[in-house]
Amino acid sequence: MAADALKGNNLFTSDGEHIGKISEITLDVRGGRIAYAVLASGGFLGMGEKPYAIPWSALTLGTDEKCFGSTSLRTA
């Protein structure tokens, strides 16, 4: 899967609540792995969104739904 295919994917909590979209992927160059997914959340029409770095290990890919989920993330 190409890294660009990951950008724009929705992210949901384990309760099914939408919390944002993946805006960037950061790499661990030394380890050769994805380190973080940057989540864009909040704002309106793409303005005022705040970035949040989510450890890649905290995410699971729902291949049927074509989105990501996390059991460790909660909304405030």
C-alpha atoms as a PDB file:
ATOM      1  CA  MET A   1       0.000   0.000   0.000  1.00  0.00           C
ATOM      2  CA  ALA A   2       1.384   3.407  -0.931  1.00  0.00           C
ATOM      3  CA  ALA A   3       1.679   6.051   1.791  1.00  0.00           C
ATOM      4  CA  ASP A   4      -0.467   8.429  -0.262  1.00  0.00           C
ATOM      5  CA  ALA A   5      -3.286   5.875  -0.100  1.00  0.00           C
ATOM      6  CA  LEU A   6      -3.335   6.302   3.692  1.00  0.00           C
ATOM      7  CA  LYS A   7      -3.787  10.070   3.625  1.00  0.00           C
ATOM      8  CA  GLY A   8      -7.375  11.211   3.889  1.00  0.00           C
ATOM      9  CA  ASN A   9      -8.562   8.017   5.585  1.00  0.00           C
ATOM     10  CA  ASN A  10     -11.043   8.528   8.395  1.00  0.00           C
ATOM     11  CA  LEU A  11     -10.180   7.636  11.979  1.00  0.00           C
ATOM     12  CA  PHE A  12     -12.773   6.349  14.436  1.00  0.00           C
ATOM     13  CA  THR A  13     -12.734   5.492  18.134  1.00  0.00           C
ATOM     14  CA  SER A  14     -13.620   1.957  19.202  1.00  0.00           C
ATOM     15  CA  ASP A  15     -17.135   3.304  19.852  1.00  0.00           C
ATOM     16  CA  GLY A  16     -17.464   4.321  16.206  1.00  0.00           C
ATOM     17  CA  GLU A  17     -17.097   8.069  16.776  1.00  0.00           C
ATOM     18  CA  HIS A  18     -15.364   9.907  13.916  1.00  0.00           C
ATOM     19  CA  ILE A  19     -12.442  11.917  15.261  1.00  0.00           C
ATOM     20  CA  GLY A  20     -10.684  13.113  12.121  1.00  0.00           C
ATOM     21  CA  LYS A  21      -8.735  12.205   9.010  1.00  0.00           C
ATOM     22  CA  ILE A  22      -5.129  11.190   8.487  1.00  0.00           C
ATOM     23  CA  SER A  23      -3.342  14.176   6.965  1.00  0.00           C
ATOM     24  CA  GLU A  24       0.277  12.978   7.001  1.00  0.00           C
ATOM     25  CA  ILE A  25       2.419   9.922   7.681  1.00  0.00           C
ATOM     26  CA  THR A  26       5.761  10.268   9.491  1.00  0.00           C
ATOM     27  CA  LEU A  27       8.563   7.739   9.217  1.00  0.00           C
ATOM     28  CA  ASP A  28      11.130   6.332  11.597  1.00  0.00           C
ATOM     29  CA  VAL A  29      14.007   6.540   9.121  1.00  0.00           C
ATOM     30  CA  ARG A  30      16.407   4.474  11.215  1.00  0.00           C
ATOM     31  CA  GLY A  31      13.874   1.712  11.788  1.00  0.00           C
ATOM     32  CA  GLY A  32      12.402   1.896   8.293  1.00  0.00           C
ATOM     33  CA  ARG A  33       8.828   1.949   9.584  1.00  0.00           C
ATOM     34  CA  ILE A  34       5.873   4.262   9.921  1.00  0.00           C
ATOM     35  CA  ALA A  35       6.176   6.055  13.261  1.00  0.00           C
ATOM     36  CA  TYR A  36       3.079   8.255  13.435  1.00  0.00           C
ATOM     37  CA  ALA A  37      -0.072   9.123  11.587  1.00  0.00           C
ATOM     38  CA  VAL A  38      -0.866  12.823  11.848  1.00  0.00           C
ATOM     39  CA  LEU A  39      -4.552  13.303  12.531  1.00  0.00           C
ATOM     40  CA  ALA A  40      -6.293  16.497  11.404  1.00  0.00           C
ATOM     41  CA  SER A  41      -9.218  17.182  13.706  1.00  0.00           C
ATOM     42  CA  GLY A  42     -11.585  20.017  14.466  1.00  0.00           C
ATOM     43  CA  GLY A  43     -12.039  23.117  12.409  1.00  0.00           C
ATOM     44  CA  PHE A  44     -14.596  23.847   9.734  1.00  0.00           C
ATOM     45  CA  LEU A  45     -14.218  23.242   5.998  1.00  0.00           C
ATOM     46  CA  GLY A  46     -10.522  22.490   6.468  1.00  0.00           C
ATOM     47  CA  MET A  47      -9.798  25.712   8.359  1.00  0.00           C
ATOM     48  CA  GLY A  48      -8.710  25.681  11.981  1.00  0.00           C
ATOM     49  CA  GLU A  49      -7.880  21.977  12.052  1.00  0.00           C
ATOM     50  CA  LYS A  50      -5.334  20.944  14.660  1.00  0.00           C
ATOM     51  CA  PRO A  51      -2.716  18.248  14.031  1.00  0.00           C
ATOM     52  CA  TYR A  52      -2.290  15.350  16.459  1.00  0.00           C
ATOM     53  CA  ALA A  53       0.482  12.745  16.146  1.00  0.00           C
ATOM     54  CA  ILE A  54      -0.925   9.274  16.796  1.00  0.00           C
ATOM     55  CA  PRO A  55       1.543   6.386  17.241  1.00  0.00           C
ATOM     56  CA  TRP A  56       1.149   3.980  14.336  1.00  0.00           C
ATOM     57  CA  SER A  57       1.012   1.080  16.810  1.00  0.00           C
ATOM     58  CA  ALA A  58      -2.217   2.536  18.279  1.00  0.00           C
ATOM     59  CA  LEU A  59      -4.089   2.206  14.971  1.00  0.00           C
ATOM     60  CA  THR A  60      -5.791  -0.689  13.251  1.00  0.00           C
ATOM     61  CA  LEU A  61      -6.833  -0.742   9.612  1.00  0.00           C
ATOM     62  CA  GLY A  62     -10.417  -1.748   8.906  1.00  0.00           C
ATOM     63  CA  THR A  63     -10.005  -3.141   5.407  1.00  0.00           C
ATOM     64  CA  ASP A  64     -13.738  -3.680   4.883  1.00  0.00           C
ATOM     65  CA  GLU A  65     -14.609  -0.132   5.918  1.00  0.00           C
ATOM     66  CA  LYS A  66     -11.444   1.383   4.410  1.00  0.00           C
ATOM     67  CA  CYS A  67     -10.800   3.410   7.558  1.00  0.00           C
ATOM     68  CA  PHE A  68      -8.669   3.292  10.699  1.00  0.00           C
ATOM     69  CA  GLY A  69      -9.717   2.640  14.252  1.00  0.00           C
ATOM     70  CA  SER A  70      -8.127   2.932  17.639  1.00  0.00           C
ATOM     71  CA  THR A  71      -9.027   1.395  20.965  1.00  0.00           C
ATOM     72  CA  SER A  72      -6.705   3.760  22.836  1.00  0.00           C
ATOM     73  CA  LEU A  73      -8.033   7.099  21.557  1.00  0.00           C
ATOM     74  CA  ARG A  74     -10.857   9.009  23.181  1.00  0.00           C
ATOM     75  CA  THR A  75     -12.467  12.311  22.372  1.00  0.00           C
ATOM     76  CA  ALA A  76     -12.448  15.096  24.922  1.00  0.00           C
END
